[in-house]
Amino acid sequence: MSDSLRDQLLGLGFKPAPKPEKRNDRPANKPGAPRRDDRRPAGKGGRPDARKPEHRGNAPRKPRSQEEIDLGKAYALRAQKEKDERIAAEAARQEEARKRREARVKLAEFLKDKSLNDKDADIARHFPYGGKIKRIYVNAEQLRALNAGELGVVQLDGRYVLVTAEVLAQAEAIFEQSVALKIDPNAPAGDDPYSDPQYQVPDDLVW
């Protein structure tokens, strides 16, 4: 349309035709589709960070009955009692071992210069001690006195010491387990078969 014609139409009251709006290059969102700003931030790999629903496979635990609670308490009390008994037994063993050590030291000090062992003795006097048959060498006079209860034998650090009856009694008071041979002169002879002077055991016999 020429400018003169356009001017004539405008003069007659015609309005110019509106200009068409510019179309947006971006495609319009579909109805109901989430907008880009509302989408969750992408997780690893560019994928949306979709959280997994919480696992509810395990059902709530059933409350324990009063009987189960009482039984559990009983087991706990018994376990504690057994533990206390073990601790007490171990403490008693340690205390007994300590007393034995002290008694041995005291006995060794007491027996100094009190041994009657004869290095030239050639008579083997056997006797039971600690579940085994032991022996000590004595002379003829010592054998008679030993069988009469006038002498006795004390065990000290693996040795067997011949002592008088009085020393034997004091050694027994210090450490009772150290008494290896104590003869009761009033006891029947059959109670100690090794007291017979005629009873001899060969030295090469292994007990």
N, C-alpha and C. Protein backbone atom coordinates (compact mmCIF):
# COMPACT_ATOMS: atom_id res chain seq x y z
N MET A 1 0.86 -1.17 0.00
CA MET A 1 0.00 0.00 0.00
C MET A 1 0.90 1.23 0.00
N SER A 2 0.54 2.19 -0.84
CA SER A 2 1.35 3.40 -0.94
C SER A 2 1.07 4.30 0.25
N ASP A 3 2.03 5.16 0.47
CA ASP A 3 1.89 6.05 1.63
C ASP A 3 0.67 6.98 1.48
N SER A 4 0.36 7.42 0.27
CA SER A 4 -0.77 8.35 0.09
C SER A 4 -2.09 7.67 0.41
N LEU A 5 -2.23 6.43 -0.06
CA LEU A 5 -3.46 5.68 0.21
C LEU A 5 -3.59 5.43 1.69
N ARG A 6 -2.43 5.10 2.34
CA ARG A 6 -2.45 4.81 3.79
C ARG A 6 -2.86 6.07 4.56
N ASP A 7 -2.38 7.21 4.10
CA ASP A 7 -2.72 8.45 4.78
C ASP A 7 -4.20 8.76 4.61
N GLN A 8 -4.73 8.49 3.41
CA GLN A 8 -6.16 8.74 3.15
C GLN A 8 -7.03 7.88 4.04
N LEU A 9 -6.64 6.61 4.20
CA LEU A 9 -7.43 5.70 5.06
C LEU A 9 -7.35 6.13 6.51
N LEU A 10 -6.18 6.52 6.96
CA LEU A 10 -6.05 6.98 8.33
C LEU A 10 -6.90 8.23 8.55
N GLY A 11 -7.00 9.08 7.47
CA GLY A 11 -7.80 10.28 7.60
C GLY A 11 -9.28 9.96 7.69
N LEU A 12 -9.69 8.87 7.12
CA LEU A 12 -11.08 8.45 7.19
C LEU A 12 -11.39 7.71 8.49
N GLY A 13 -10.46 7.49 9.33
CA GLY A 13 -10.71 6.84 10.63
C GLY A 13 -10.29 5.40 10.72
N PHE A 14 -9.68 4.84 9.73
CA PHE A 14 -9.18 3.46 9.79
C PHE A 14 -7.90 3.38 10.65
N LYS A 15 -7.83 2.36 11.44
CA LYS A 15 -6.65 2.14 12.28
C LYS A 15 -5.72 1.16 11.60
N PRO A 16 -4.45 1.34 11.81
CA PRO A 16 -3.51 0.40 11.18
C PRO A 16 -3.62 -1.00 11.80
N ALA A 17 -3.40 -1.99 11.02
CA ALA A 17 -3.48 -3.39 11.50
C ALA A 17 -2.38 -3.65 12.52
N PRO A 18 -2.72 -4.34 13.62
CA PRO A 18 -1.69 -4.65 14.66
C PRO A 18 -0.60 -5.57 14.11
N LYS A 19 0.63 -5.33 14.59
CA LYS A 19 1.77 -6.16 14.15
C LYS A 19 1.72 -7.53 14.83
N PRO A 20 2.00 -8.56 14.07
CA PRO A 20 1.98 -9.92 14.69
C PRO A 20 3.09 -10.07 15.74
N GLU A 21 2.74 -10.77 16.91
CA GLU A 21 3.72 -10.98 17.99
C GLU A 21 4.78 -11.99 17.58
N LYS A 22 6.00 -11.78 18.14
CA LYS A 22 7.11 -12.70 17.85
C LYS A 22 6.92 -13.98 18.63
N ARG A 23 7.08 -15.10 17.91
CA ARG A 23 6.97 -16.41 18.57
C ARG A 23 8.25 -16.75 19.34
N ASN A 24 8.02 -17.36 20.49
CA ASN A 24 9.17 -17.81 21.29
C ASN A 24 9.73 -19.10 20.70
N ASP A 25 11.06 -19.16 20.57
CA ASP A 25 11.67 -20.36 20.02
C ASP A 25 11.52 -21.58 20.92
N ARG A 26 11.36 -21.33 22.26
CA ARG A 26 11.23 -22.47 23.18
C ARG A 26 9.85 -23.05 23.08
N PRO A 27 9.75 -24.35 23.08
CA PRO A 27 8.42 -24.97 23.04
C PRO A 27 7.69 -24.70 24.33
N ALA A 28 6.43 -24.46 24.20
CA ALA A 28 5.60 -24.18 25.37
C ALA A 28 5.45 -25.44 26.19
N ASN A 29 5.41 -25.24 27.52
CA ASN A 29 5.22 -26.40 28.40
C ASN A 29 3.85 -26.97 28.21
N LYS A 30 3.82 -28.29 28.25
CA LYS A 30 2.52 -28.95 28.15
C LYS A 30 1.76 -28.77 29.44
N PRO A 31 0.47 -28.75 29.34
CA PRO A 31 -0.32 -28.62 30.58
C PRO A 31 -0.01 -29.77 31.53
N GLY A 32 0.24 -29.44 32.81
CA GLY A 32 0.49 -30.49 33.82
C GLY A 32 1.93 -30.90 33.92
N ALA A 33 2.79 -30.50 32.96
CA ALA A 33 4.21 -30.89 33.01
C ALA A 33 4.93 -29.97 33.98
N PRO A 34 5.83 -30.46 34.75
CA PRO A 34 6.56 -29.60 35.71
C PRO A 34 7.48 -28.67 34.98
N ARG A 35 7.57 -27.46 35.53
CA ARG A 35 8.47 -26.50 34.94
C ARG A 35 9.90 -26.83 35.30
N ARG A 36 10.83 -26.29 34.51
CA ARG A 36 12.25 -26.63 34.70
C ARG A 36 12.72 -26.22 36.08
N ASP A 37 12.19 -25.07 36.57
CA ASP A 37 12.65 -24.58 37.87
C ASP A 37 12.19 -25.47 39.00
N ASP A 38 11.08 -26.23 38.75
CA ASP A 38 10.53 -27.07 39.82
C ASP A 38 11.18 -28.44 39.85
N ARG A 39 12.00 -28.77 38.86
CA ARG A 39 12.62 -30.09 38.85
C ARG A 39 13.70 -30.17 39.92
N ARG A 40 13.89 -31.40 40.45
CA ARG A 40 14.91 -31.62 41.47
C ARG A 40 16.28 -31.54 40.84
N PRO A 41 17.28 -31.11 41.62
CA PRO A 41 18.65 -31.05 41.06
C PRO A 41 19.12 -32.43 40.66
N ALA A 42 19.88 -32.42 39.60
CA ALA A 42 20.36 -33.69 39.07
C ALA A 42 21.38 -34.31 40.00
N GLY A 43 21.32 -35.63 40.10
CA GLY A 43 22.29 -36.34 40.92
C GLY A 43 23.48 -36.73 40.08
N LYS A 44 24.14 -37.83 40.51
CA LYS A 44 25.30 -38.29 39.76
C LYS A 44 24.87 -38.73 38.37
N GLY A 45 25.70 -38.40 37.40
CA GLY A 45 25.41 -38.81 36.03
C GLY A 45 24.37 -37.97 35.37
N GLY A 46 23.98 -36.86 36.01
CA GLY A 46 23.00 -35.98 35.39
C GLY A 46 21.58 -36.45 35.59
N ARG A 47 21.38 -37.54 36.35
CA ARG A 47 20.02 -38.04 36.55
C ARG A 47 19.37 -37.32 37.73
N PRO A 48 18.10 -37.23 37.69
CA PRO A 48 17.42 -36.57 38.81
C PRO A 48 17.69 -37.33 40.09
N ASP A 49 17.85 -36.60 41.21
CA ASP A 49 18.17 -37.20 42.50
C ASP A 49 16.89 -37.74 43.11
N ALA A 50 16.57 -38.93 42.70
CA ALA A 50 15.34 -39.55 43.19
C ALA A 50 15.67 -40.34 44.43
N ARG A 51 15.13 -39.94 45.56
CA ARG A 51 15.38 -40.65 46.81
C ARG A 51 14.54 -41.92 46.90
N LYS A 52 15.24 -42.98 47.42
CA LYS A 52 14.52 -44.25 47.55
C LYS A 52 13.63 -44.19 48.78
N PRO A 53 12.50 -44.78 48.66
CA PRO A 53 11.61 -44.78 49.84
C PRO A 53 12.23 -45.60 50.96
N GLU A 54 11.97 -45.21 52.20
CA GLU A 54 12.51 -45.91 53.35
C GLU A 54 12.02 -47.36 53.36
N HIS A 55 12.98 -48.26 53.81
CA HIS A 55 12.66 -49.69 53.85
C HIS A 55 11.82 -49.99 55.08
N ARG A 56 10.73 -50.58 54.86
CA ARG A 56 9.83 -50.92 55.95
C ARG A 56 9.53 -52.41 55.97
N GLY A 57 10.57 -53.20 55.64
CA GLY A 57 10.35 -54.63 55.59
C GLY A 57 10.17 -55.25 56.96
N ASN A 58 10.88 -54.70 58.02
CA ASN A 58 10.80 -55.27 59.36
C ASN A 58 9.64 -54.64 60.12
N ALA A 59 8.83 -55.51 60.61
CA ALA A 59 7.70 -55.04 61.39
C ALA A 59 8.17 -54.65 62.79
N PRO A 60 7.49 -53.80 63.51
CA PRO A 60 7.88 -53.43 64.87
C PRO A 60 7.98 -54.65 65.77
N ARG A 61 9.05 -54.68 66.64
CA ARG A 61 9.26 -55.83 67.52
C ARG A 61 8.18 -55.89 68.57
N LYS A 62 7.82 -57.11 68.85
CA LYS A 62 6.79 -57.33 69.85
C LYS A 62 7.38 -57.13 71.24
N PRO A 63 6.77 -56.37 72.09
CA PRO A 63 7.31 -56.16 73.45
C PRO A 63 7.47 -57.49 74.18
N ARG A 64 8.57 -57.58 74.97
CA ARG A 64 8.82 -58.81 75.71
C ARG A 64 7.82 -58.95 76.85
N SER A 65 7.47 -60.20 77.11
CA SER A 65 6.54 -60.46 78.20
C SER A 65 7.27 -60.36 79.53
N GLN A 66 6.51 -60.29 80.61
CA GLN A 66 7.10 -60.21 81.95
C GLN A 66 7.90 -61.46 82.27
N GLU A 67 7.45 -62.60 81.76
CA GLU A 67 8.16 -63.86 81.99
C GLU A 67 9.54 -63.84 81.33
N GLU A 68 9.61 -63.30 80.11
CA GLU A 68 10.89 -63.20 79.42
C GLU A 68 11.82 -62.24 80.13
N ILE A 69 11.28 -61.15 80.64
CA ILE A 69 12.10 -60.18 81.38
C ILE A 69 12.67 -60.81 82.64
N ASP A 70 11.82 -61.53 83.38
CA ASP A 70 12.27 -62.18 84.62
C ASP A 70 13.32 -63.24 84.32
N LEU A 71 13.14 -63.98 83.23
CA LEU A 71 14.11 -65.01 82.86
C LEU A 71 15.45 -64.38 82.50
N GLY A 72 15.42 -63.27 81.77
CA GLY A 72 16.65 -62.57 81.41
C GLY A 72 17.37 -62.06 82.65
N LYS A 73 16.62 -61.56 83.62
CA LYS A 73 17.25 -61.08 84.86
C LYS A 73 17.89 -62.24 85.61
N ALA A 74 17.21 -63.40 85.61
CA ALA A 74 17.75 -64.57 86.32
C ALA A 74 19.05 -65.03 85.69
N TYR A 75 19.11 -65.05 84.36
CA TYR A 75 20.35 -65.43 83.67
C TYR A 75 21.47 -64.45 83.98
N ALA A 76 21.14 -63.16 83.99
CA ALA A 76 22.16 -62.14 84.27
C ALA A 76 22.68 -62.28 85.70
N LEU A 77 21.79 -62.53 86.65
CA LEU A 77 22.21 -62.70 88.04
C LEU A 77 23.08 -63.93 88.22
N ARG A 78 22.71 -65.03 87.54
CA ARG A 78 23.50 -66.26 87.65
C ARG A 78 24.89 -66.06 87.04
N ALA A 79 24.96 -65.38 85.89
CA ALA A 79 26.26 -65.13 85.25
C ALA A 79 27.13 -64.26 86.15
N GLN A 80 26.53 -63.25 86.77
CA GLN A 80 27.31 -62.38 87.67
C GLN A 80 27.79 -63.15 88.90
N LYS A 81 26.93 -64.05 89.41
CA LYS A 81 27.31 -64.85 90.59
C LYS A 81 28.47 -65.78 90.25
N GLU A 82 28.40 -66.43 89.08
CA GLU A 82 29.47 -67.32 88.67
C GLU A 82 30.78 -66.55 88.48
N LYS A 83 30.69 -65.35 87.93
CA LYS A 83 31.88 -64.52 87.75
C LYS A 83 32.48 -64.15 89.10
N ASP A 84 31.64 -63.77 90.05
CA ASP A 84 32.13 -63.40 91.38
C ASP A 84 32.78 -64.61 92.07
N GLU A 85 32.20 -65.80 91.88
CA GLU A 85 32.76 -67.00 92.49
C GLU A 85 34.13 -67.32 91.89
N ARG A 86 34.28 -67.14 90.57
CA ARG A 86 35.57 -67.40 89.94
C ARG A 86 36.63 -66.42 90.45
N ILE A 87 36.23 -65.16 90.59
CA ILE A 87 37.17 -64.15 91.08
C ILE A 87 37.58 -64.47 92.52
N ALA A 88 36.59 -64.86 93.34
CA ALA A 88 36.89 -65.18 94.74
C ALA A 88 37.78 -66.42 94.84
N ALA A 89 37.52 -67.43 94.00
CA ALA A 89 38.35 -68.64 94.02
C ALA A 89 39.78 -68.34 93.59
N GLU A 90 39.94 -67.51 92.58
CA GLU A 90 41.29 -67.15 92.13
C GLU A 90 42.02 -66.35 93.21
N ALA A 91 41.30 -65.45 93.87
CA ALA A 91 41.92 -64.67 94.95
C ALA A 91 42.34 -65.59 96.10
N ALA A 92 41.50 -66.60 96.40
CA ALA A 92 41.84 -67.54 97.47
C ALA A 92 43.07 -68.37 97.10
N ARG A 93 43.16 -68.78 95.84
CA ARG A 93 44.34 -69.55 95.40
C ARG A 93 45.61 -68.71 95.50
N GLN A 94 45.52 -67.47 95.09
CA GLN A 94 46.68 -66.60 95.17
C GLN A 94 47.09 -66.35 96.62
N GLU A 95 46.11 -66.19 97.49
CA GLU A 95 46.41 -65.98 98.90
C GLU A 95 47.05 -67.22 99.52
N GLU A 96 46.54 -68.40 99.15
CA GLU A 96 47.11 -69.65 99.65
C GLU A 96 48.55 -69.83 99.15
N ALA A 97 48.78 -69.51 97.88
CA ALA A 97 50.14 -69.61 97.34
C ALA A 97 51.08 -68.65 98.05
N ARG A 98 50.59 -67.47 98.36
CA ARG A 98 51.43 -66.50 99.08
C ARG A 98 51.79 -67.01 100.47
N LYS A 99 50.83 -67.59 101.16
CA LYS A 99 51.08 -68.12 102.50
C LYS A 99 52.07 -69.29 102.45
N ARG A 100 51.93 -70.13 101.43
CA ARG A 100 52.85 -71.26 101.31
C ARG A 100 54.29 -70.78 101.08
N ARG A 101 54.43 -69.78 100.22
CA ARG A 101 55.77 -69.23 99.97
C ARG A 101 56.38 -68.67 101.25
N GLU A 102 55.59 -67.92 101.98
CA GLU A 102 56.09 -67.34 103.23
C GLU A 102 56.42 -68.42 104.25
N ALA A 103 55.58 -69.47 104.30
CA ALA A 103 55.83 -70.56 105.26
C ALA A 103 57.10 -71.32 104.91
N ARG A 104 57.35 -71.54 103.63
CA ARG A 104 58.58 -72.25 103.23
C ARG A 104 59.83 -71.43 103.62
N VAL A 105 59.75 -70.13 103.40
CA VAL A 105 60.88 -69.28 103.77
C VAL A 105 61.12 -69.33 105.27
N LYS A 106 60.07 -69.27 106.04
CA LYS A 106 60.17 -69.31 107.50
C LYS A 106 60.69 -70.67 107.97
N LEU A 107 60.23 -71.74 107.30
CA LEU A 107 60.67 -73.09 107.68
C LEU A 107 62.15 -73.29 107.37
N ALA A 108 62.60 -72.80 106.24
CA ALA A 108 64.00 -72.93 105.87
C ALA A 108 64.89 -72.22 106.88
N GLU A 109 64.43 -71.07 107.33
CA GLU A 109 65.20 -70.34 108.33
C GLU A 109 65.22 -71.09 109.66
N PHE A 110 64.07 -71.69 110.00
CA PHE A 110 63.96 -72.40 111.27
C PHE A 110 64.82 -73.67 111.29
N LEU A 111 64.92 -74.38 110.18
CA LEU A 111 65.63 -75.67 110.16
C LEU A 111 67.14 -75.54 110.03
N LYS A 112 67.65 -74.34 109.95
CA LYS A 112 69.10 -74.17 109.86
C LYS A 112 69.78 -74.81 111.08
N ASP A 113 70.79 -75.62 110.83
CA ASP A 113 71.59 -76.26 111.89
C ASP A 113 70.77 -77.26 112.72
N LYS A 114 69.61 -77.70 112.22
CA LYS A 114 68.80 -78.67 112.97
C LYS A 114 68.72 -80.02 112.26
N SER A 115 69.37 -80.15 111.13
CA SER A 115 69.34 -81.41 110.39
C SER A 115 70.22 -82.46 111.06
N LEU A 116 69.70 -83.71 111.12
CA LEU A 116 70.44 -84.84 111.70
C LEU A 116 70.86 -85.84 110.62
N ASN A 117 70.77 -85.46 109.37
CA ASN A 117 71.14 -86.37 108.29
C ASN A 117 72.61 -86.79 108.41
N ASP A 118 72.83 -88.10 108.26
CA ASP A 118 74.18 -88.66 108.35
C ASP A 118 74.65 -88.97 106.93
N LYS A 119 75.73 -88.32 106.52
CA LYS A 119 76.23 -88.53 105.16
C LYS A 119 76.76 -89.95 104.97
N ASP A 120 77.08 -90.65 106.06
CA ASP A 120 77.59 -92.02 105.96
C ASP A 120 76.49 -93.06 106.15
N ALA A 121 75.25 -92.62 106.32
CA ALA A 121 74.16 -93.57 106.53
C ALA A 121 73.95 -94.42 105.30
N ASP A 122 73.63 -95.71 105.53
CA ASP A 122 73.47 -96.63 104.40
C ASP A 122 72.18 -97.44 104.47
N ILE A 123 71.29 -97.10 105.39
CA ILE A 123 70.02 -97.81 105.50
C ILE A 123 68.92 -96.93 104.89
N ALA A 124 68.23 -97.48 103.91
CA ALA A 124 67.16 -96.73 103.25
C ALA A 124 65.85 -96.94 104.01
N ARG A 125 65.33 -95.85 104.56
CA ARG A 125 64.03 -95.90 105.26
C ARG A 125 62.97 -95.33 104.32
N HIS A 126 62.09 -96.19 103.84
CA HIS A 126 61.06 -95.77 102.89
C HIS A 126 59.80 -95.33 103.63
N PHE A 127 59.05 -94.44 103.01
CA PHE A 127 57.81 -93.94 103.61
C PHE A 127 56.95 -93.32 102.51
N PRO A 128 55.65 -93.36 102.66
CA PRO A 128 54.76 -92.74 101.67
C PRO A 128 54.64 -91.24 101.92
N TYR A 129 54.68 -90.47 100.83
CA TYR A 129 54.53 -89.02 100.94
C TYR A 129 54.14 -88.46 99.58
N GLY A 130 53.10 -87.66 99.60
CA GLY A 130 52.64 -87.03 98.36
C GLY A 130 52.16 -88.03 97.33
N GLY A 131 51.63 -89.17 97.79
CA GLY A 131 51.11 -90.17 96.87
C GLY A 131 52.19 -91.04 96.25
N LYS A 132 53.44 -90.92 96.72
CA LYS A 132 54.54 -91.73 96.20
C LYS A 132 55.36 -92.28 97.36
N ILE A 133 56.19 -93.26 97.06
CA ILE A 133 57.08 -93.82 98.07
C ILE A 133 58.41 -93.08 98.01
N LYS A 134 58.77 -92.46 99.14
CA LYS A 134 60.03 -91.73 99.24
C LYS A 134 60.96 -92.47 100.18
N ARG A 135 62.22 -92.01 100.28
CA ARG A 135 63.18 -92.66 101.18
C ARG A 135 64.19 -91.66 101.71
N ILE A 136 64.70 -91.99 102.86
CA ILE A 136 65.77 -91.22 103.48
C ILE A 136 66.78 -92.21 104.04
N TYR A 137 68.06 -91.90 103.94
CA TYR A 137 69.10 -92.80 104.44
C TYR A 137 69.42 -92.45 105.90
N VAL A 138 69.40 -93.49 106.74
CA VAL A 138 69.69 -93.34 108.16
C VAL A 138 70.66 -94.44 108.60
N ASN A 139 71.26 -94.26 109.77
CA ASN A 139 72.07 -95.33 110.34
C ASN A 139 71.19 -96.18 111.25
N ALA A 140 71.75 -97.20 111.84
CA ALA A 140 70.97 -98.15 112.63
C ALA A 140 70.31 -97.47 113.82
N GLU A 141 71.05 -96.62 114.54
CA GLU A 141 70.48 -95.94 115.70
C GLU A 141 69.37 -94.99 115.29
N GLN A 142 69.56 -94.27 114.19
CA GLN A 142 68.53 -93.34 113.72
C GLN A 142 67.28 -94.09 113.27
N LEU A 143 67.47 -95.25 112.68
CA LEU A 143 66.32 -96.05 112.26
C LEU A 143 65.47 -96.44 113.45
N ARG A 144 66.14 -96.89 114.53
CA ARG A 144 65.40 -97.28 115.74
C ARG A 144 64.65 -96.08 116.31
N ALA A 145 65.33 -94.93 116.40
CA ALA A 145 64.70 -93.73 116.96
C ALA A 145 63.57 -93.23 116.06
N LEU A 146 63.75 -93.34 114.78
CA LEU A 146 62.72 -92.91 113.83
C LEU A 146 61.47 -93.76 113.97
N ASN A 147 61.64 -95.07 114.06
CA ASN A 147 60.50 -95.97 114.20
C ASN A 147 59.83 -95.84 115.56
N ALA A 148 60.58 -95.34 116.54
CA ALA A 148 60.01 -95.14 117.88
C ALA A 148 59.32 -93.80 118.02
N GLY A 149 59.36 -92.96 116.99
CA GLY A 149 58.72 -91.65 117.05
C GLY A 149 59.58 -90.59 117.67
N GLU A 150 60.86 -90.92 117.97
CA GLU A 150 61.76 -89.94 118.57
C GLU A 150 62.34 -89.00 117.51
N LEU A 151 62.32 -89.41 116.26
CA LEU A 151 62.77 -88.59 115.13
C LEU A 151 61.65 -88.50 114.10
N GLY A 152 61.81 -87.56 113.20
CA GLY A 152 60.85 -87.41 112.13
C GLY A 152 61.53 -86.86 110.89
N VAL A 153 60.77 -86.77 109.82
CA VAL A 153 61.32 -86.31 108.54
C VAL A 153 60.50 -85.12 108.04
N VAL A 154 61.21 -84.09 107.61
CA VAL A 154 60.58 -82.89 107.06
C VAL A 154 61.04 -82.72 105.62
N GLN A 155 60.12 -82.36 104.76
CA GLN A 155 60.45 -82.09 103.36
C GLN A 155 60.71 -80.60 103.20
N LEU A 156 61.86 -80.26 102.62
CA LEU A 156 62.23 -78.85 102.42
C LEU A 156 62.94 -78.70 101.09
N ASP A 157 62.30 -78.01 100.16
CA ASP A 157 62.89 -77.73 98.84
C ASP A 157 63.35 -79.01 98.15
N GLY A 158 62.54 -80.05 98.21
CA GLY A 158 62.85 -81.30 97.54
C GLY A 158 63.78 -82.22 98.32
N ARG A 159 64.28 -81.79 99.47
CA ARG A 159 65.15 -82.62 100.31
C ARG A 159 64.35 -83.14 101.51
N TYR A 160 64.80 -84.24 102.05
CA TYR A 160 64.17 -84.82 103.23
C TYR A 160 65.14 -84.72 104.39
N VAL A 161 64.71 -83.98 105.41
CA VAL A 161 65.57 -83.64 106.53
C VAL A 161 65.15 -84.43 107.76
N LEU A 162 66.08 -85.10 108.37
CA LEU A 162 65.85 -85.86 109.60
C LEU A 162 66.00 -84.92 110.79
N VAL A 163 64.96 -84.87 111.64
CA VAL A 163 64.98 -83.95 112.78
C VAL A 163 64.42 -84.66 114.01
N THR A 164 64.58 -84.01 115.17
CA THR A 164 64.03 -84.56 116.40
C THR A 164 62.51 -84.38 116.39
N ALA A 165 61.85 -85.09 117.31
CA ALA A 165 60.39 -85.01 117.41
C ALA A 165 59.95 -83.59 117.78
N GLU A 166 60.72 -82.93 118.64
CA GLU A 166 60.39 -81.56 119.03
C GLU A 166 60.48 -80.60 117.84
N VAL A 167 61.54 -80.72 117.07
CA VAL A 167 61.69 -79.88 115.88
C VAL A 167 60.60 -80.18 114.87
N LEU A 168 60.25 -81.46 114.75
CA LEU A 168 59.18 -81.85 113.82
C LEU A 168 57.86 -81.19 114.19
N ALA A 169 57.57 -81.13 115.50
CA ALA A 169 56.33 -80.51 115.94
C ALA A 169 56.32 -79.01 115.62
N GLN A 170 57.43 -78.35 115.81
CA GLN A 170 57.51 -76.91 115.48
C GLN A 170 57.44 -76.68 113.97
N ALA A 171 58.07 -77.56 113.21
CA ALA A 171 57.99 -77.45 111.75
C ALA A 171 56.56 -77.64 111.27
N GLU A 172 55.85 -78.56 111.91
CA GLU A 172 54.45 -78.79 111.54
C GLU A 172 53.59 -77.56 111.82
N ALA A 173 53.91 -76.85 112.90
CA ALA A 173 53.16 -75.64 113.23
C ALA A 173 53.45 -74.54 112.21
N ILE A 174 54.65 -74.50 111.68
CA ILE A 174 55.00 -73.47 110.69
C ILE A 174 54.39 -73.79 109.34
N PHE A 175 54.55 -75.05 108.90
CA PHE A 175 54.07 -75.45 107.57
C PHE A 175 53.70 -76.94 107.65
N GLU A 176 52.43 -77.20 107.84
CA GLU A 176 51.97 -78.57 108.09
C GLU A 176 52.29 -79.51 106.95
N GLN A 177 52.21 -79.03 105.71
CA GLN A 177 52.45 -79.89 104.55
C GLN A 177 53.89 -80.35 104.44
N SER A 178 54.78 -79.76 105.22
CA SER A 178 56.19 -80.14 105.13
C SER A 178 56.50 -81.43 105.87
N VAL A 179 55.61 -81.89 106.75
CA VAL A 179 55.87 -83.10 107.52
C VAL A 179 55.75 -84.31 106.60
N ALA A 180 56.87 -84.97 106.38
CA ALA A 180 56.89 -86.12 105.47
C ALA A 180 56.73 -87.45 106.20
N LEU A 181 57.29 -87.55 107.39
CA LEU A 181 57.19 -88.80 108.15
C LEU A 181 57.13 -88.48 109.64
N LYS A 182 56.03 -88.87 110.24
CA LYS A 182 55.80 -88.67 111.66
C LYS A 182 55.25 -89.97 112.23
N ILE A 183 56.03 -90.59 113.08
CA ILE A 183 55.66 -91.90 113.60
C ILE A 183 54.95 -91.73 114.95
N ASP A 184 53.81 -92.40 115.06
CA ASP A 184 53.11 -92.47 116.33
C ASP A 184 53.56 -93.75 117.02
N PRO A 185 54.32 -93.66 118.12
CA PRO A 185 54.83 -94.88 118.75
C PRO A 185 53.74 -95.79 119.29
N ASN A 186 52.55 -95.28 119.50
CA ASN A 186 51.45 -96.09 120.02
C ASN A 186 50.61 -96.73 118.91
N ALA A 187 50.92 -96.41 117.67
CA ALA A 187 50.15 -96.98 116.56
C ALA A 187 50.59 -98.42 116.31
N PRO A 188 49.66 -99.27 115.87
CA PRO A 188 50.04 -100.65 115.56
C PRO A 188 51.12 -100.70 114.48
N ALA A 189 52.00 -101.69 114.59
CA ALA A 189 53.10 -101.79 113.64
C ALA A 189 52.61 -102.01 112.22
N GLY A 190 51.44 -102.60 112.06
CA GLY A 190 50.91 -102.86 110.72
C GLY A 190 50.54 -101.61 109.97
N ASP A 191 50.39 -100.48 110.69
CA ASP A 191 50.04 -99.22 110.01
C ASP A 191 51.19 -98.69 109.18
N ASP A 192 52.41 -99.07 109.51
CA ASP A 192 53.59 -98.61 108.76
C ASP A 192 54.48 -99.82 108.48
N PRO A 193 54.28 -100.49 107.36
CA PRO A 193 55.06 -101.70 107.08
C PRO A 193 56.55 -101.42 106.92
N TYR A 194 56.92 -100.17 106.65
CA TYR A 194 58.34 -99.86 106.45
C TYR A 194 59.08 -99.64 107.76
N SER A 195 58.36 -99.69 108.90
CA SER A 195 59.02 -99.48 110.19
C SER A 195 59.79 -100.71 110.66
N ASP A 196 59.54 -101.86 110.11
CA ASP A 196 60.24 -103.09 110.51
C ASP A 196 61.70 -103.01 110.06
N PRO A 197 62.67 -103.08 110.99
CA PRO A 197 64.08 -103.01 110.60
C PRO A 197 64.48 -104.11 109.63
N GLN A 198 63.76 -105.23 109.68
CA GLN A 198 64.11 -106.32 108.79
C GLN A 198 63.59 -106.08 107.37
N TYR A 199 62.69 -105.08 107.25
CA TYR A 199 62.11 -104.80 105.92
C TYR A 199 63.09 -103.95 105.14
N GLN A 200 63.65 -104.52 104.11
CA GLN A 200 64.62 -103.82 103.29
C GLN A 200 64.13 -103.80 101.85
N VAL A 201 64.30 -102.66 101.21
CA VAL A 201 63.96 -102.51 99.79
C VAL A 201 65.25 -102.26 99.04
N PRO A 202 65.52 -103.06 98.00
CA PRO A 202 66.76 -102.84 97.25
C PRO A 202 66.86 -101.41 96.75
N ASP A 203 68.08 -100.86 96.80
CA ASP A 203 68.28 -99.48 96.37
C ASP A 203 68.07 -99.30 94.89
N ASP A 204 68.26 -100.38 94.13
CA ASP A 204 68.11 -100.25 92.68
C ASP A 204 66.68 -100.45 92.22
N LEU A 205 65.76 -100.63 93.17
CA LEU A 205 64.36 -100.78 92.80
C LEU A 205 63.76 -99.42 92.46
N VAL A 206 63.12 -99.33 91.30
CA VAL A 206 62.52 -98.06 90.87
C VAL A 206 61.08 -98.01 91.34
N TRP A 207 60.76 -96.97 92.10
CA TRP A 207 59.39 -96.83 92.62
C TRP A 207 58.58 -95.96 91.70
